[in-house]
């Protein structure tokens, strides 16, 4: 059991050495893209939520 665990850790460390990590500049640019897309999607969904909420109040919940 411990032999398999040790082998797994050794192989994982070996694979991590082969990974081509992004530069700081690339990581920063990609982070900005992710934050921008997330904010854009949040605004998009917020607008449609507001529109649908208004439509439901006007057309469905008429008193």
N, C-alpha and C. Protein backbone atom coordinates (compact mmCIF):
# COMPACT_ATOMS: atom_id res chain seq x y z
N UNK A 1 0.83 -1.19 0.00
CA UNK A 1 0.00 0.00 0.00
C UNK A 1 0.87 1.25 0.00
N UNK A 2 1.83 1.33 0.94
CA UNK A 2 2.67 2.51 1.00
C UNK A 2 3.61 2.59 -0.19
N UNK A 3 3.96 1.45 -0.75
CA UNK A 3 4.81 1.43 -1.95
C UNK A 3 4.10 2.07 -3.13
N UNK A 4 2.81 1.78 -3.28
CA UNK A 4 2.03 2.37 -4.37
C UNK A 4 1.88 3.86 -4.17
N UNK A 5 1.66 4.29 -2.91
CA UNK A 5 1.51 5.71 -2.61
C UNK A 5 2.82 6.44 -2.90
N UNK A 6 3.94 5.85 -2.49
CA UNK A 6 5.25 6.45 -2.74
C UNK A 6 5.50 6.56 -4.24
N UNK A 7 5.16 5.51 -4.98
CA UNK A 7 5.34 5.52 -6.44
C UNK A 7 4.49 6.61 -7.09
N UNK A 8 3.26 6.76 -6.60
CA UNK A 8 2.36 7.78 -7.13
C UNK A 8 2.95 9.18 -6.91
N UNK A 9 3.46 9.44 -5.72
CA UNK A 9 4.03 10.76 -5.40
C UNK A 9 5.27 11.02 -6.26
N UNK A 10 6.11 10.02 -6.44
CA UNK A 10 7.31 10.18 -7.26
C UNK A 10 6.92 10.49 -8.71
N UNK A 11 5.97 9.75 -9.25
CA UNK A 11 5.53 9.98 -10.63
C UNK A 11 4.86 11.34 -10.78
N UNK A 12 4.09 11.76 -9.79
CA UNK A 12 3.43 13.06 -9.86
C UNK A 12 4.46 14.18 -9.87
N UNK A 13 5.47 14.08 -9.02
CA UNK A 13 6.54 15.09 -9.00
C UNK A 13 7.27 15.12 -10.33
N UNK A 14 7.50 13.94 -10.92
CA UNK A 14 8.18 13.87 -12.21
C UNK A 14 7.34 14.56 -13.29
N UNK A 15 6.05 14.32 -13.29
CA UNK A 15 5.17 14.95 -14.28
C UNK A 15 5.12 16.47 -14.09
N UNK A 16 5.10 16.93 -12.85
CA UNK A 16 5.06 18.37 -12.59
C UNK A 16 6.31 19.08 -13.09
N UNK A 17 7.44 18.37 -13.12
CA UNK A 17 8.66 18.96 -13.68
C UNK A 17 8.56 19.13 -15.18
N UNK A 18 7.72 18.33 -15.84
CA UNK A 18 7.58 18.40 -17.30
C UNK A 18 6.53 19.43 -17.74
N UNK A 19 5.79 19.98 -16.81
CA UNK A 19 4.75 20.94 -17.15
C UNK A 19 5.40 22.25 -17.60
N UNK A 20 4.87 22.82 -18.67
CA UNK A 20 5.34 24.12 -19.11
C UNK A 20 4.45 25.18 -18.46
N UNK A 21 4.94 25.77 -17.38
CA UNK A 21 4.18 26.73 -16.62
C UNK A 21 4.11 28.06 -17.36
N UNK A 22 2.98 28.78 -17.26
CA UNK A 22 2.88 30.09 -17.93
C UNK A 22 3.78 31.11 -17.24
N UNK A 23 4.19 32.11 -18.03
CA UNK A 23 4.97 33.20 -17.45
C UNK A 23 4.05 34.06 -16.60
N UNK A 24 4.64 34.93 -15.82
CA UNK A 24 3.83 35.82 -14.98
C UNK A 24 2.94 36.70 -15.85
N UNK A 25 3.47 37.16 -16.97
CA UNK A 25 2.70 38.01 -17.88
C UNK A 25 1.50 37.24 -18.46
N UNK A 26 1.73 36.01 -18.89
CA UNK A 26 0.64 35.20 -19.43
C UNK A 26 -0.42 34.94 -18.36
N UNK A 27 0.02 34.61 -17.16
CA UNK A 27 -0.93 34.33 -16.08
C UNK A 27 -1.76 35.56 -15.76
N UNK A 28 -1.12 36.73 -15.76
CA UNK A 28 -1.84 37.98 -15.49
C UNK A 28 -2.87 38.26 -16.57
N UNK A 29 -2.48 38.10 -17.84
CA UNK A 29 -3.41 38.35 -18.95
C UNK A 29 -4.59 37.38 -18.90
N UNK A 30 -4.32 36.12 -18.64
CA UNK A 30 -5.40 35.13 -18.60
C UNK A 30 -6.33 35.38 -17.40
N UNK A 31 -5.78 35.83 -16.30
CA UNK A 31 -6.60 36.15 -15.13
C UNK A 31 -7.53 37.31 -15.45
N UNK A 32 -7.00 38.33 -16.14
CA UNK A 32 -7.82 39.48 -16.53
C UNK A 32 -8.94 39.04 -17.47
N UNK A 33 -8.63 38.12 -18.39
CA UNK A 33 -9.66 37.62 -19.31
C UNK A 33 -10.76 36.89 -18.52
N UNK A 34 -10.37 36.04 -17.59
CA UNK A 34 -11.36 35.29 -16.80
C UNK A 34 -12.23 36.23 -15.99
N UNK A 35 -11.64 37.21 -15.34
CA UNK A 35 -12.41 38.17 -14.55
C UNK A 35 -13.34 38.97 -15.46
N UNK A 36 -12.84 39.40 -16.62
CA UNK A 36 -13.66 40.16 -17.56
C UNK A 36 -14.85 39.37 -18.08
N UNK A 37 -14.61 38.12 -18.46
CA UNK A 37 -15.70 37.28 -18.96
C UNK A 37 -16.71 37.02 -17.84
N UNK A 38 -16.23 36.79 -16.62
CA UNK A 38 -17.14 36.56 -15.49
C UNK A 38 -18.00 37.78 -15.22
N UNK A 39 -17.40 38.96 -15.24
CA UNK A 39 -18.19 40.18 -15.02
C UNK A 39 -19.17 40.41 -16.16
N UNK A 40 -18.74 40.17 -17.39
CA UNK A 40 -19.64 40.32 -18.53
C UNK A 40 -20.83 39.39 -18.44
N UNK A 41 -20.58 38.15 -18.07
CA UNK A 41 -21.66 37.19 -17.93
C UNK A 41 -22.59 37.56 -16.78
N UNK A 42 -22.02 38.05 -15.69
CA UNK A 42 -22.84 38.48 -14.56
C UNK A 42 -23.75 39.64 -14.95
N UNK A 43 -23.22 40.59 -15.69
CA UNK A 43 -24.04 41.73 -16.15
C UNK A 43 -25.13 41.25 -17.09
N UNK A 44 -24.75 40.39 -18.04
CA UNK A 44 -25.70 39.84 -19.01
C UNK A 44 -26.85 39.13 -18.30
N UNK A 45 -26.52 38.25 -17.37
CA UNK A 45 -27.56 37.52 -16.64
C UNK A 45 -28.37 38.44 -15.74
N UNK A 46 -27.73 39.45 -15.16
CA UNK A 46 -28.45 40.40 -14.32
C UNK A 46 -29.47 41.19 -15.10
N UNK A 47 -29.11 41.61 -16.31
CA UNK A 47 -30.04 42.37 -17.16
C UNK A 47 -31.24 41.50 -17.52
N UNK A 48 -30.98 40.26 -17.95
CA UNK A 48 -32.09 39.40 -18.32
C UNK A 48 -32.95 39.03 -17.11
N UNK A 49 -32.35 38.88 -15.96
CA UNK A 49 -33.12 38.61 -14.74
C UNK A 49 -34.04 39.78 -14.42
N UNK A 50 -33.52 40.98 -14.57
CA UNK A 50 -34.33 42.17 -14.31
C UNK A 50 -35.48 42.27 -15.30
N UNK A 51 -35.19 42.02 -16.57
CA UNK A 51 -36.23 42.08 -17.60
C UNK A 51 -37.32 41.04 -17.33
N UNK A 52 -36.91 39.80 -17.05
CA UNK A 52 -37.90 38.74 -16.81
C UNK A 52 -38.67 38.97 -15.52
N UNK A 53 -38.03 39.49 -14.51
CA UNK A 53 -38.73 39.80 -13.26
C UNK A 53 -39.79 40.86 -13.50
N UNK A 54 -39.44 41.89 -14.26
CA UNK A 54 -40.40 42.94 -14.58
C UNK A 54 -41.55 42.37 -15.40
N UNK A 55 -41.24 41.52 -16.39
CA UNK A 55 -42.29 40.93 -17.23
C UNK A 55 -43.23 40.07 -16.41
N UNK A 56 -42.70 39.32 -15.48
CA UNK A 56 -43.56 38.48 -14.63
C UNK A 56 -44.45 39.35 -13.76
N UNK A 57 -43.91 40.41 -13.20
CA UNK A 57 -44.72 41.29 -12.36
C UNK A 57 -45.83 41.96 -13.15
N UNK A 58 -45.52 42.37 -14.38
CA UNK A 58 -46.51 43.08 -15.18
C UNK A 58 -47.55 42.15 -15.76
N UNK A 59 -47.13 41.03 -16.35
CA UNK A 59 -48.06 40.19 -17.10
C UNK A 59 -48.66 39.04 -16.30
N UNK A 60 -47.94 38.49 -15.38
CA UNK A 60 -48.42 37.31 -14.67
C UNK A 60 -49.07 37.67 -13.34
N UNK A 61 -48.46 38.57 -12.61
CA UNK A 61 -48.95 38.89 -11.28
C UNK A 61 -49.81 40.13 -11.26
N UNK A 62 -50.49 40.40 -12.34
CA UNK A 62 -51.39 41.56 -12.39
C UNK A 62 -52.41 41.47 -11.27
N UNK A 63 -52.61 42.55 -10.58
CA UNK A 63 -53.61 42.53 -9.50
C UNK A 63 -54.80 43.36 -9.89
